[in-house]
Each structure stands twice: as C-alpha cells, then as structure tokens.
Protein backbone atom coordinates (compact mmCIF):
# COMPACT_ATOMS: atom_id res chain seq x y z
CA MET A 1 -33.94 -20.72 23.27
CA SER A 2 -35.68 -23.62 24.97
CA LEU A 3 -37.28 -22.78 28.30
CA ASP A 4 -37.47 -25.18 31.25
CA GLN A 5 -39.57 -24.88 34.41
CA PHE A 6 -36.85 -22.86 36.18
CA ASP A 7 -36.69 -20.31 33.34
CA ILE A 8 -40.47 -20.00 33.41
CA ALA A 9 -40.48 -19.54 37.18
CA ILE A 10 -37.84 -16.80 36.81
CA LEU A 11 -39.90 -15.07 34.13
CA VAL A 12 -43.09 -15.18 36.18
CA ALA A 13 -41.31 -13.88 39.29
CA LEU A 14 -39.50 -11.08 37.44
CA GLN A 15 -42.66 -10.01 35.65
CA ALA A 16 -44.30 -9.57 39.06
CA ASP A 17 -41.26 -7.76 40.51
CA GLY A 18 -38.51 -6.74 38.08
CA ALA A 19 -36.43 -5.31 40.93
CA MET A 20 -36.11 -8.75 42.57
CA THR A 21 -32.51 -9.57 43.48
CA ASN A 22 -30.96 -12.86 42.43
CA ALA A 23 -30.91 -13.90 46.11
CA ALA A 24 -34.67 -13.29 46.44
CA LEU A 25 -35.26 -14.93 43.06
CA SER A 26 -33.33 -18.01 44.19
CA GLU A 27 -35.74 -18.48 47.11
CA VAL A 28 -38.74 -18.30 44.79
CA VAL A 29 -37.45 -20.69 42.11
CA ASN A 30 -35.35 -23.01 44.30
CA LEU A 31 -32.03 -22.45 42.53
CA SER A 32 -28.85 -20.83 43.76
CA ALA A 33 -28.44 -17.09 43.29
CA SER A 34 -25.59 -17.69 40.82
CA GLN A 35 -27.80 -20.07 38.76
CA CYS A 36 -30.59 -17.47 38.77
CA SER A 37 -28.13 -14.79 37.68
CA ARG A 38 -26.82 -16.93 34.81
CA ARG A 39 -30.32 -17.83 33.65
CA ARG A 40 -31.48 -14.19 33.92
CA VAL A 41 -28.57 -13.06 31.74
CA ASN A 42 -29.37 -15.79 29.19
CA LEU A 43 -33.06 -14.72 29.10
CA GLU A 44 -31.97 -11.09 28.62
CA GLN A 45 -29.48 -11.97 25.85
CA ALA A 46 -32.12 -14.09 24.07
CA GLY A 47 -34.42 -11.05 24.05
CA ILE A 48 -37.09 -12.79 26.13
CA ILE A 49 -36.56 -10.22 28.88
CA GLU A 50 -36.57 -6.91 27.07
CA GLY A 51 -35.83 -4.70 30.06
CA TYR A 52 -36.96 -3.57 33.50
CA SER A 53 -39.04 -0.58 34.47
CA ALA A 54 -41.16 0.92 37.22
CA ARG A 55 -44.92 1.12 36.74
CA LEU A 56 -45.90 4.75 37.30
CA ASN A 57 -49.40 5.95 38.15
CA ALA A 58 -50.13 8.42 35.35
CA THR A 59 -53.16 9.92 37.09
CA ARG A 60 -51.24 10.64 40.31
CA LEU A 61 -48.52 12.26 38.20
CA GLY A 62 -51.08 14.63 36.65
CA PHE A 63 -51.87 12.79 33.42
CA GLY A 64 -55.53 12.14 34.18
CA LEU A 65 -56.90 11.79 30.67
CA ARG A 66 -56.40 8.63 28.66
CA ALA A 67 -57.81 8.24 25.17
CA ILE A 68 -57.85 5.61 22.49
CA ILE A 69 -57.49 7.15 19.03
CA ARG A 70 -58.19 5.36 15.75
CA VAL A 71 -56.34 6.86 12.80
CA ASN A 72 -56.85 6.33 9.07
CA LEU A 73 -54.15 7.51 6.71
CA SER A 74 -55.01 9.22 3.42
CA SER A 75 -52.79 6.86 1.41
CA HIS A 76 -50.41 4.02 2.01
CA GLY A 77 -46.90 3.03 1.13
CA GLN A 78 -43.69 2.29 2.95
CA ARG A 79 -42.50 5.91 2.99
CA LYS A 80 -45.85 7.19 4.24
CA ASP A 81 -46.09 4.51 6.93
CA ASP A 82 -42.50 5.27 8.00
CA ASP A 83 -43.37 8.99 8.16
CA PHE A 84 -46.32 8.28 10.44
CA ALA A 85 -44.16 5.97 12.59
CA ARG A 86 -41.68 8.84 13.04
CA PHE A 87 -44.57 11.12 14.07
CA VAL A 88 -45.67 8.56 16.68
CA ALA A 89 -42.10 8.18 18.02
CA ALA A 90 -41.73 11.95 18.35
CA HIS A 91 -44.82 12.42 20.56
CA PRO A 92 -44.36 11.18 24.13
CA GLN A 93 -48.07 11.48 24.92
CA ILE A 94 -48.60 8.53 22.58
CA ARG A 95 -47.85 5.72 25.03
CA ALA A 96 -48.60 2.82 22.67
CA ALA A 97 -49.33 2.60 18.97
CA PHE A 98 -50.49 -0.34 16.89
CA SER A 99 -50.93 -0.97 13.18
CA VAL A 100 -54.21 -2.89 13.11
CA SER A 101 -56.63 -4.73 10.88
CA GLY A 102 -60.22 -3.54 10.73
CA ASP A 103 -61.67 -0.11 10.11
CA ALA A 104 -58.58 1.85 11.28
CA ASP A 105 -54.99 1.82 10.10
CA TYR A 106 -53.56 2.63 13.54
CA VAL A 107 -54.75 2.67 17.14
CA LEU A 108 -53.01 5.03 19.56
CA ASP A 109 -53.10 4.96 23.36
CA VAL A 110 -52.65 8.56 24.48
CA ARG A 111 -52.08 10.05 27.96
CA VAL A 112 -52.37 13.78 28.59
CA ARG A 113 -53.07 16.05 31.55
CA ASP A 114 -56.60 17.11 30.67
CA LEU A 115 -59.18 17.72 27.93
CA GLU A 116 -57.48 20.93 26.84
CA ALA A 117 -54.16 19.11 26.29
CA PHE A 118 -56.02 16.35 24.44
CA SER A 119 -57.74 18.88 22.18
CA ASP A 120 -54.40 20.58 21.55
CA PHE A 121 -52.78 17.26 20.58
CA ILE A 122 -55.64 16.34 18.22
CA HIS A 123 -56.06 19.75 16.56
CA ARG A 124 -52.50 21.07 16.50
CA GLN A 125 -50.48 17.91 16.01
CA LEU A 126 -52.40 14.84 14.83
CA LEU A 127 -54.97 16.27 12.41
CA PRO A 128 -52.48 18.57 10.64
CA HIS A 129 -50.20 15.60 9.83
CA SER A 130 -50.13 15.29 6.05
CA GLN A 131 -50.95 11.57 6.07
CA VAL A 132 -53.89 11.67 8.48
CA ALA A 133 -57.28 11.43 6.76
CA GLN A 134 -59.57 10.55 9.68
CA VAL A 135 -59.37 10.46 13.48
CA ARG A 136 -61.86 8.87 15.85
CA SER A 137 -61.24 9.00 19.56
CA GLU A 138 -62.71 7.63 22.74
CA ILE A 139 -61.96 9.00 26.20
CA VAL A 140 -61.28 6.22 28.70
CA LEU A 141 -63.78 6.61 31.53
CA ARG A 142 -62.57 3.75 33.71
CA THR A 143 -59.83 1.16 33.35
CA LEU A 144 -61.04 -2.34 34.10
CA LYS A 145 -57.75 -4.09 33.32
CA ASP A 146 -54.36 -2.87 32.11
CA GLU A 147 -51.84 -5.68 32.39
CA LYS A 148 -48.47 -5.70 30.69
CA GLY A 149 -46.45 -8.70 29.59
CA VAL A 150 -47.78 -12.25 29.43
CA ALA A 151 -50.24 -13.86 31.81
CA PRO A 152 -48.22 -16.05 34.20
CA GLY A 153 -50.43 -19.10 33.51
CA LEU A 154 -49.72 -18.78 29.77
CA VAL A 155 -45.93 -18.92 30.11
CA THR A 156 -45.19 -22.62 29.54
CA THR A 157 -42.47 -24.86 28.29
CA PRO A 158 -42.64 -25.61 24.55
CA ASP A 159 -43.60 -29.22 25.35
CA SER A 160 -46.55 -28.29 27.59
CA GLY A 161 -48.05 -25.40 25.62
C-alpha cells in the first residue's frame, strides 16, 4: 500500500489517540470524516494499523516490578523454539518477548506485582522449563522512555523516506 501525506497524518494522529473519532480526525488531517473513515479502514485492512488499545499504568494497577530477562536455551531447533514460544504465550506476566542476536537467545520483558512474584516466576516456571539453560535478569529501577509504535517524525511517504 502506498501512503500519501493524508494517510501519514491519520497514522500519526491515531497513534497519539487511538480513540479519536473520524470527525475529530477530519479536523486534524483536513479531510472529510467519510474520507478519514475510508482511509482508516484501508490502513486497517492493509495491516498497517494492527489494532487499538488503552495504555494502562502497570504500577498503579499493582504490577510494580518490571524486569528484563535474558534467556539461553540448552539446544536449538524448530520444535524446541516453538515449545519455548508456547511457554512465552502461556505466561501473561511476559509482556514482550524477542528472539535476539548477541549473547542471549531471547529477551523477555516481564511485569509482576513484587519481588516475591518475580522469584516465583523465575524459580517455579522459567528455570524448570526443559529448554532453558541460563537466565540472567535485571530489575528495572526507572523507566526513562517506553514508547510504542513508530516515532511520528519517522513515518514518511515512500518517496520522502
């Protein structure tokens, strides 16, 4: 799908406020509400807009401990990687997971209520997994930046980027 400046303006606006109505969006991007609606649907159908959600404050909801966990598997292969992927999918405290290059096979972003819950997750769930050989974790002390999506200034038309 080729993006023009209106599509980009819609993406930037919706990334800032996914609950924005088509009427409000039309004021921001200078198109009619029906044009905004049509373009939004096209962006959704093309998979550029993957969905809409509310950003929740995990700490205020009682999930005050965030940790980054680096995991090395004992061996590799499609079945073993798929098995670990199923483990990740089954544990809601794992908020993001990445297969990475470098000294770890996977990096996990974990949110739990406290140190006891973190210890329980590590010792009773992650370490006993048959494919896990090594776990290294860091407790997040302070979050300096935690943006989702794409930086608005980086969203450009194919011709300008």
